[in-house]
């Protein structure tokens, strides 16, 4: 049986960290937090059974294994980027290209997309799954929705609101935060530890995932309580897929940022439609 490969994200984090010799600089490039890049590299090292970096006070240094691995990872990543560039869906006329994460596409765009297409029946829509900054650059999208800090959102990007984190669970799941498993979206600056400081102590999480979208999906299927973006969860809350497990909310240090090609009328129409459909659910402020 062929040996399975590690996740592409781990390799991308390693390659960026190896070029910069810094987890922080790699995180800025990729569009993740420093802790997420560090964790992905550590996971790759555990998978391979060898250290790839020497963690030093002044930064990182590649080990012999890391130096051997870097060119073997760098070349395939460039080949994949080149392969994506040759894909062409034909004429760009009446075509709106949207670049966003799978979480945004799944929870924010897809539930509302039938309404947009009904308003603009002659417009074709193409959605790209984009995570890293160079994903957005290569897609040349008309609409981009990025996740991260305001700096990572990009110049002229506008924040999508609300930008709070709320605790959600399936309506079929009985219990409170102290009785139920907690689901953590790792790689973000705000999580259950921040909740414990602002609202009240909780048990440590027992389920971990790398996106708010997957955390929300796990909560909707009764796996526990997820602390996720209120913006992302809007449709799931309104349709009863999930419900609030606690009335409080806490601020999020990262958020979703929208930028558009302002010279494309269809992109402007999408912006107006998207912002017009977002609402600010009534929430109680976090206890401090």
Protein backbone atom coordinates (compact mmCIF):
# COMPACT_ATOMS: atom_id res chain seq x y z
CA UNK A 1 0.00 0.00 0.00
CA UNK A 2 1.31 3.45 -0.91
CA UNK A 3 2.38 5.58 2.02
CA UNK A 4 -0.02 8.46 2.64
CA UNK A 5 1.27 12.00 2.26
CA UNK A 6 1.09 14.63 5.00
CA UNK A 7 -1.45 17.45 4.50
CA UNK A 8 -0.45 20.06 1.94
CA UNK A 9 -0.86 22.80 4.54
CA UNK A 10 1.90 21.29 6.68
CA UNK A 11 4.28 21.29 3.73
CA UNK A 12 3.34 24.86 2.79
CA UNK A 13 4.00 26.06 6.34
CA UNK A 14 7.36 24.27 6.40
CA UNK A 15 8.40 25.73 3.03
CA UNK A 16 7.51 29.29 4.04
CA UNK A 17 9.15 28.98 7.47
CA UNK A 18 12.28 27.50 5.86
CA UNK A 19 12.58 30.40 3.41
CA UNK A 20 12.07 33.06 6.06
CA UNK A 21 13.63 31.15 8.98
CA UNK A 22 10.76 32.58 10.98
CA UNK A 23 7.34 31.23 11.92
CA UNK A 24 6.06 34.80 12.29
CA UNK A 25 7.15 35.87 8.80
CA UNK A 26 5.79 32.62 7.35
CA UNK A 27 2.44 33.24 9.04
CA UNK A 28 2.23 36.75 7.55
CA UNK A 29 2.88 35.35 4.07
CA UNK A 30 0.52 32.41 4.30
CA UNK A 31 -2.28 34.22 6.11
CA UNK A 32 -2.33 32.08 9.25
CA UNK A 33 -1.37 32.86 12.82
CA UNK A 34 2.14 32.19 14.08
CA UNK A 35 0.87 29.47 16.39
CA UNK A 36 -0.88 27.69 13.50
CA UNK A 37 2.29 27.65 11.39
CA UNK A 38 4.34 26.44 14.35
CA UNK A 39 1.81 23.71 15.10
CA UNK A 40 1.69 22.52 11.49
CA UNK A 41 5.48 22.34 11.31
CA UNK A 42 5.56 20.43 14.60
CA UNK A 43 2.96 18.01 13.23
CA UNK A 44 5.12 17.45 10.14
CA UNK A 45 8.19 16.82 12.31
CA UNK A 46 6.22 14.31 14.38
CA UNK A 47 4.99 12.61 11.22
CA UNK A 48 8.51 12.34 9.78
CA UNK A 49 10.12 11.46 13.09
CA UNK A 50 12.91 14.06 12.74
CA UNK A 51 13.32 17.73 13.70
CA UNK A 52 13.32 20.08 10.70
CA UNK A 53 14.30 23.24 12.59
CA UNK A 54 16.52 24.18 15.49
CA UNK A 55 14.53 26.65 17.61
CA UNK A 56 17.01 29.28 18.72
CA UNK A 57 16.64 32.50 20.70
CA UNK A 58 17.37 34.58 17.60
CA UNK A 59 15.16 32.58 15.25
CA UNK A 60 15.10 29.33 13.35
CA UNK A 61 17.82 27.30 11.70
CA UNK A 62 17.29 24.31 9.42
CA UNK A 63 18.53 20.93 10.54
CA UNK A 64 20.22 18.61 8.05
CA UNK A 65 16.85 16.90 7.51
CA UNK A 66 15.20 20.27 6.93
CA UNK A 67 17.81 21.31 4.37
CA UNK A 68 17.33 18.04 2.50
CA UNK A 69 13.55 18.32 2.54
CA UNK A 70 13.24 21.97 1.45
CA UNK A 71 14.06 21.59 -2.29
CA UNK A 72 11.95 18.43 -2.47
CA UNK A 73 8.93 20.38 -1.17
CA UNK A 74 9.60 23.68 -2.95
CA UNK A 75 9.61 22.23 -6.48
CA UNK A 76 6.24 20.42 -6.25
CA UNK A 77 4.56 23.49 -4.69
CA UNK A 78 5.71 25.64 -7.61
CA UNK A 79 4.59 22.95 -10.05
CA UNK A 80 1.13 22.89 -8.47
CA UNK A 81 0.87 26.68 -8.71
CA UNK A 82 1.85 26.55 -12.38
CA UNK A 83 -0.68 23.79 -13.04
CA UNK A 84 -3.46 25.88 -11.54
CA UNK A 85 -2.56 28.81 -13.80
CA UNK A 86 -3.23 26.81 -16.97
CA UNK A 87 -6.81 26.01 -15.99
CA UNK A 88 -9.18 28.21 -17.98
CA UNK A 89 -12.97 28.22 -17.87
CA UNK A 90 -13.28 30.22 -21.08
CA UNK A 91 -14.44 33.78 -21.62
CA UNK A 92 -14.58 36.10 -18.63
CA UNK A 93 -17.68 37.78 -20.03
CA UNK A 94 -20.61 37.56 -17.58
CA UNK A 95 -18.36 35.65 -15.18
CA UNK A 96 -17.85 36.61 -11.52
CA UNK A 97 -14.88 34.93 -9.81
CA UNK A 98 -14.97 34.68 -6.02
CA UNK A 99 -12.00 33.57 -3.92
CA UNK A 100 -12.76 32.51 -0.35
CA UNK A 101 -12.04 29.76 2.13
CA UNK A 102 -14.16 26.60 2.11
CA UNK A 103 -15.70 27.76 5.41
CA UNK A 104 -16.88 31.03 3.87
CA UNK A 105 -18.09 29.35 0.70
CA UNK A 106 -19.98 26.69 2.69
CA UNK A 107 -21.54 28.74 5.48
CA UNK A 108 -21.70 32.33 4.22
CA UNK A 109 -22.05 32.24 0.43
CA UNK A 110 -23.74 28.96 -0.50
CA UNK A 111 -26.93 29.46 1.58
CA UNK A 112 -27.49 32.89 0.00
CA UNK A 113 -26.26 32.16 -3.53
CA UNK A 114 -29.65 31.13 -5.01
CA UNK A 115 -30.97 34.59 -4.20
CA UNK A 116 -28.01 36.27 -5.90
CA UNK A 117 -28.35 34.11 -9.00
CA UNK A 118 -32.09 34.82 -9.14
CA UNK A 119 -31.34 38.55 -9.14
CA UNK A 120 -28.66 38.20 -11.84
CA UNK A 121 -29.75 35.21 -13.95
CA UNK A 122 -27.32 35.84 -16.80
CA UNK A 123 -24.25 35.93 -14.57
CA UNK A 124 -22.00 32.89 -14.18
CA UNK A 125 -20.29 32.43 -10.81
CA UNK A 126 -16.97 30.69 -10.19
CA UNK A 127 -15.86 30.04 -6.61
CA UNK A 128 -12.22 29.28 -5.81
CA UNK A 129 -11.12 27.77 -2.51
CA UNK A 130 -8.29 30.03 -1.35
CA UNK A 131 -6.36 29.90 1.91
CA UNK A 132 -2.88 31.35 1.45
CA UNK A 133 -2.20 34.87 0.12
CA UNK A 134 -0.60 33.49 -3.03
CA UNK A 135 -3.81 31.52 -3.65
CA UNK A 136 -5.63 34.84 -3.92
CA UNK A 137 -2.93 36.32 -6.15
CA UNK A 138 -3.03 33.44 -8.61
CA UNK A 139 -6.83 33.34 -8.93
CA UNK A 140 -7.09 37.01 -10.00
CA UNK A 141 -10.56 36.97 -8.46
CA UNK A 142 -13.14 39.74 -8.75
CA UNK A 143 -14.21 39.21 -5.14
CA UNK A 144 -11.95 38.10 -2.29
CA UNK A 145 -12.97 37.21 1.24
CA UNK A 146 -9.90 36.67 3.42
CA UNK A 147 -9.57 35.57 7.03
CA UNK A 148 -6.98 37.00 9.38
CA UNK A 149 -5.88 40.28 10.89
CA UNK A 150 -6.69 43.62 9.31
CA UNK A 151 -3.19 43.62 7.84
CA UNK A 152 -3.71 40.18 6.34
CA UNK A 153 -7.06 41.30 4.96
CA UNK A 154 -5.22 43.58 2.58
CA UNK A 155 -5.27 47.21 1.49
CA UNK A 156 -8.76 48.64 0.87
CA UNK A 157 -10.43 45.54 2.33
CA UNK A 158 -13.48 46.13 4.51
CA UNK A 159 -14.33 44.02 7.55
CA UNK A 160 -17.44 41.87 7.45
CA UNK A 161 -19.51 42.18 10.60
CA UNK A 162 -20.42 40.97 13.15
CA UNK A 163 -16.94 39.96 14.33
CA UNK A 164 -17.66 38.23 17.62
CA UNK A 165 -17.21 34.64 18.74
CA UNK A 166 -20.25 32.81 20.09
CA UNK A 167 -20.73 29.39 21.67
CA UNK A 168 -22.98 27.09 19.61
CA UNK A 169 -24.36 23.57 19.87
CA UNK A 170 -26.95 21.35 18.25
CA UNK A 171 -30.54 21.90 19.50
CA UNK A 172 -30.63 18.14 20.13
CA UNK A 173 -27.71 18.33 22.56
CA UNK A 174 -28.63 18.88 26.20
CA UNK A 175 -26.29 20.38 28.77
CA UNK A 176 -24.16 23.46 29.31
CA UNK A 177 -20.53 24.39 28.75
CA UNK A 178 -19.37 22.43 31.78
CA UNK A 179 -21.19 19.24 30.77
CA UNK A 180 -20.50 19.05 27.03
CA UNK A 181 -17.34 18.52 24.97
CA UNK A 182 -15.78 21.77 23.78
CA UNK A 183 -14.61 22.16 20.18
CA UNK A 184 -11.57 24.37 19.52
CA UNK A 185 -10.62 25.99 16.21
CA UNK A 186 -6.83 26.08 16.55
CA UNK A 187 -4.60 28.67 14.90
CA UNK A 188 -6.68 31.68 15.97
CA UNK A 189 -5.82 34.22 18.66
CA UNK A 190 -9.16 33.92 20.46
CA UNK A 191 -10.53 30.65 21.77
CA UNK A 192 -11.81 28.94 24.87
CA UNK A 193 -8.92 30.32 26.96
CA UNK A 194 -10.00 33.85 26.05
CA UNK A 195 -13.60 32.89 26.83
CA UNK A 196 -12.54 31.66 30.27
CA UNK A 197 -10.84 34.99 31.01
CA UNK A 198 -13.74 37.15 29.85
CA UNK A 199 -16.84 35.08 30.64
CA UNK A 200 -16.05 32.21 32.98
CA UNK A 201 -13.93 29.10 33.40
CA UNK A 202 -14.58 26.08 31.20
CA UNK A 203 -13.11 22.60 30.91
CA UNK A 204 -10.31 22.19 28.33
CA UNK A 205 -11.46 21.42 24.77
CA UNK A 206 -11.56 17.77 23.74
CA UNK A 207 -12.06 18.25 19.97
CA UNK A 208 -9.74 20.28 17.77
CA UNK A 209 -9.98 21.40 14.15
CA UNK A 210 -8.26 24.01 11.99
CA UNK A 211 -11.22 26.10 10.79
CA UNK A 212 -14.33 27.73 12.20
CA UNK A 213 -16.28 26.08 9.41
CA UNK A 214 -15.37 22.57 10.52
CA UNK A 215 -15.93 23.50 14.17
CA UNK A 216 -19.42 24.71 13.25
CA UNK A 217 -20.05 21.53 11.25
CA UNK A 218 -19.04 19.37 14.23
CA UNK A 219 -21.31 21.36 16.54
CA UNK A 220 -24.27 21.09 14.16
CA UNK A 221 -23.89 17.31 14.22
CA UNK A 222 -24.00 17.11 18.01
CA UNK A 223 -20.30 16.68 18.77
CA UNK A 224 -20.15 19.42 21.38
CA UNK A 225 -20.00 23.20 21.76
CA UNK A 226 -18.01 25.23 19.22
CA UNK A 227 -16.76 28.77 19.69
CA UNK A 228 -17.03 30.24 16.19
CA UNK A 229 -17.48 33.45 14.22
CA UNK A 230 -20.94 34.94 14.60
CA UNK A 231 -20.77 36.05 10.97
CA UNK A 232 -20.06 32.55 9.72
CA UNK A 233 -22.78 30.99 11.90
CA UNK A 234 -25.56 33.44 10.95
CA UNK A 235 -27.39 31.11 8.54
CA UNK A 236 -26.96 28.05 10.76
CA UNK A 237 -28.44 29.91 13.73
CA UNK A 238 -31.35 31.36 11.76
CA UNK A 239 -32.30 27.98 10.30
CA UNK A 240 -32.06 26.15 13.63
CA UNK A 241 -29.09 23.97 12.74
CA UNK A 242 -27.37 25.26 15.87
CA UNK A 243 -28.35 27.33 18.87
CA UNK A 244 -26.58 29.46 21.44
CA UNK A 245 -25.07 27.43 24.26
CA UNK A 246 -24.44 30.63 26.24
CA UNK A 247 -25.76 34.20 25.77
CA UNK A 248 -22.34 35.86 25.93
CA UNK A 249 -19.92 36.64 23.13
CA UNK A 250 -16.25 37.62 23.04
CA UNK A 251 -14.29 39.75 20.55
CA UNK A 252 -12.27 38.03 17.84
CA UNK A 253 -8.77 39.25 17.02
CA UNK A 254 -9.10 37.91 13.46
CA UNK A 255 -12.00 38.37 11.10
CA UNK A 256 -13.25 38.18 7.52
CA UNK A 257 -12.32 40.93 5.06
CA UNK A 258 -13.95 41.69 1.74
CA UNK A 259 -12.19 43.25 -1.23
CA UNK A 260 -13.47 43.60 -4.77
CA UNK A 261 -12.39 44.68 -8.23
CA UNK A 262 -14.02 48.11 -8.17
CA UNK A 263 -13.86 48.43 -11.94
CA UNK A 264 -16.13 45.38 -12.41
CA UNK A 265 -19.88 46.15 -12.07
CA UNK A 266 -20.71 42.54 -11.15
CA UNK A 267 -18.29 42.67 -8.22
CA UNK A 268 -19.88 45.88 -6.97
CA UNK A 269 -23.30 44.26 -7.24
CA UNK A 270 -22.10 41.22 -5.30
CA UNK A 271 -20.73 43.48 -2.56
CA UNK A 272 -24.00 45.37 -2.22
CA UNK A 273 -25.97 42.14 -2.22
CA UNK A 274 -23.72 40.45 0.36
CA UNK A 275 -23.58 43.38 2.77
CA UNK A 276 -27.32 43.94 2.41
CA UNK A 277 -28.01 40.37 3.49
CA UNK A 278 -25.83 40.41 6.59
CA UNK A 279 -27.53 41.21 9.85
CA UNK A 280 -26.28 41.78 13.36
CA UNK A 281 -27.99 39.26 15.65
CA UNK A 282 -28.83 40.50 19.10
CA UNK A 283 -26.12 39.42 21.53
CA UNK A 284 -25.28 40.17 25.11
CA UNK A 285 -21.80 41.58 25.79
CA UNK A 286 -19.27 39.31 27.38
CA UNK A 287 -18.88 39.43 31.13
CA UNK A 288 -15.61 41.08 32.14
